[in-house]
Amino acid sequence: MIGSNIPIELSIYFYSFINICRVYNNNASHWLLAYFKKLLMSHVMKVLKKSMYSYVKIDTLHLDSPYSSMLLPRISRISSDAIHRMSRSRIRAFSPYSKALRSFSTGISYFKEVPFSRMTEEEQQLLTEQRVVDHADVCVVGGGVAGLATAIRLKQLDNKEGYGTLRVVVLEKAPDMGSHIVSGAVLEPRGLRELFYTDDGIPLPDDMVTLVEEEHMRFLVPNDSFPVPEPPQMTNVGKNYIVSLSEVTKYLSERAEKLGVELYSGISVDELVIDDASNSVIGVATKDMGIGKDGVPNDDFERGMQFNSKLTVLAEGCHGSLSKKAIKKYNLRDGRNPQTYGLGLKEVWEVKPENFKKGYVGHTMGYPLSEDVYGGGFQYHFGDGLVTVGLVVGLDYKNPWISPYQEFQKLKHHPFYSSVLKGVGASAGFMNVPKIKGSHTAIKSGILAAESAFKALQKQNLLKTVEEVEKETILKEEAEERGDEYTPLDGATALELRSYEEAFKDSWLFQELYEVRNVRPSFSGPFKLLGGLAFSGLVTLFTKGREPFTLNHHNTDAYITENAALHPKIVYPKPDGEISFDILTSVSRTGTYHKEDERCHLRIPSQDYGLHTERLYKAYRGIENRFCPAGVYEYIPDESKKDGVKFQINAQNCIHCKTCDIKIPTQTINWEVPEGGDGPKYQMT
């Protein structure tokens, strides 16, 4: 037996070699694979135990997955990535002598990207080689509650009314299901009850939910607060539940797998596959792996994979990167109001027993936000001594000096919040605005999409029997043996789901949203906060959607932003390190991680930092510094530059909120998906 004192470099080499053998069905490699995996992980853990702070997550290898040929070369993101970093002294997070948790924002050198035309012929071939193609009946992009609800209902219908052979694939960019999910969250059980065919309670484990037992709504002024009448849509006591939506998402993923849904986490999808003849979406392509900061393929480069499907469901969440492309290509915004967004900031605290009131829900308006900024705060007491504290800020604010992150830090010092937090010292698309809830509506939207899709599959006789699936499997194997590309018997059929919009308009989901359609726009009127409160009170208590008019939203959140010279500069108080914290401390607690040598996923024109500064700095005085809650964008003083500053992007800090893509006034930042598995690693959110 080989000794355990083998150097880590040889462990990685043998592990990678055996993985390659296994992909080519070398059965003798199985026991060696297990041995070297164990040996490799022991090396990793020794290094991690020496470090002050570990932010790399060791993912589970999908050794028996039909996509193992795609997943195995990544060596669970340890051998090809994390181990490489451990050997580089400039990454301080793994050094036992480091004085900092992680060097999030300093000392990042500027990499000029190499244009495709100037790459070598070999590099160009790597970036354009034909992708491996797999086929599914339905491909869902996004493993949040909406995407999982779609997948679950599809398999429920397939197992009950079909042949049980429908292949439903869910692709999720997070390393684990739920680790990119952040929400309040007070959950209305209606959507889950429909999903799992039950009429009572909430179909979740008891230890995952806390029934709301008490609630208040307060209007905050500095150092004081006043009670505000709650609209009926916000009533939670005795019927709604406080949950961690990331934990709920994990649970739904387990239920989905039991039904036969194929779930693949750590997979970023960045391209729609369009059929030229029909101009319809027939699938998606995953992001290429191993492209360096200079845009050139590294030694660990891996071409993305293509998933063709009869139906592609985009369930990416707010402002999804593929959804943006589809909206633009098919003009889906034509004749509709601009979408408006809010940035939510949230912390989970473990508080003193005397400060904890299990089942308590508190919502606030007013301080610290000014009357022309839409938003509000919340605190939810749940579980065993846990309190969720958060602030939502509408991104349609005009003043570019506003920092949503700093507003949240101010909020926590208000007595309504600080009385709960003091003495602790550490923090552990469809939206119903008056309810401040979107999860149950997201679930319902997924159910409607699945039901419409299944009916369409039935109508076009696209549900396959077990015998037909077995026949296709044989044909696929024969094509692979010949080296030919396999094409399913039913070809690249793409379903049109016009029935989905009809089903939506006939559902309680549409009725619920239509009833409050005028609430959010009313806060953008000439009377601002007070006018919005008065009008929304009238709507939620009396007219309930029967108004003979519909208020329109303003232009986009980006367009409404005004010149910095029109507003006084806001100077925020320094954090005290007990209740309020600096940005980098908060980012470190998210577990956010991106490859250091990864091509920047935050795209500006030609990646020209000087041009970006010239376009934005004089007018908006570094608005990117302030709207980003993760310290991704910086203007560093530099007297040698024309404007006295140098623009810098710290893409490794990104927590995937996409605020930059939404709020930048010139609309010259395009948020693209980074490599699969990158980003935050949220828990209990």
Foldseek 3Di string as FASTA:
>chain_A
DDDLPPDLVVLLVQLLVLLVVVVVPPVVSVVVNVVSLVSNVVVVVVLVVLFPEDLDDQFDQPCVDPCNVVGVLCVSVPSVFVVVVLVDVVFRCRPSPDPDNTPQFPDQDDAAADDLVPDDPVQVCLAPPDFAEDEFAEEEEALALLSLLLLLLLLVCCVVPNASPHAYEYEAQASAFLQLDDAQAWDQQPLQCVSVVHDDDHPDDPLFKFQAAAEFEWEDDFQDIDGDDAFPLQDRHPGIIDGQSSVVSNVSVVSSVVSPHHYDFLWAWFAFDADPVVRDTFWTWTDWPQQFQNRTHDPSTDGIHIYGHQYYHYPHPPPDNVVVVVCVVVVVCPPHFDDWDKDKDKFKFQWDPVLADGNYKYKYDHPPDDLQKDWTWIWHHHRHRIIMTMIITTLLDAALLAFRQLRSLVVCPHCVNVVGQPPRLDTQVQAQVSNRHDSSLSSVLSSLVNVLSVVQCVVVVVRDHPVLVVVLVVVCVVCVVVVHRDARPVGSNYDDRPVSVVVCCVDVSVLSCLQQQALVQQCNDPVHNVRSVVVSSCSSHPCRNVDPDGDGHDHASLQSHFFNVVDDRDDGDDRPSRRGDDLQVVLSSQSAFDRSGFHQQWAFVSPDQLVVCVVPCNGSPPSVCRHASFRQWDWDQDCVHPVRTTIGGSRSRDQPPCVCCRHNNVNGIRGGDTRRNGHGRDDRD
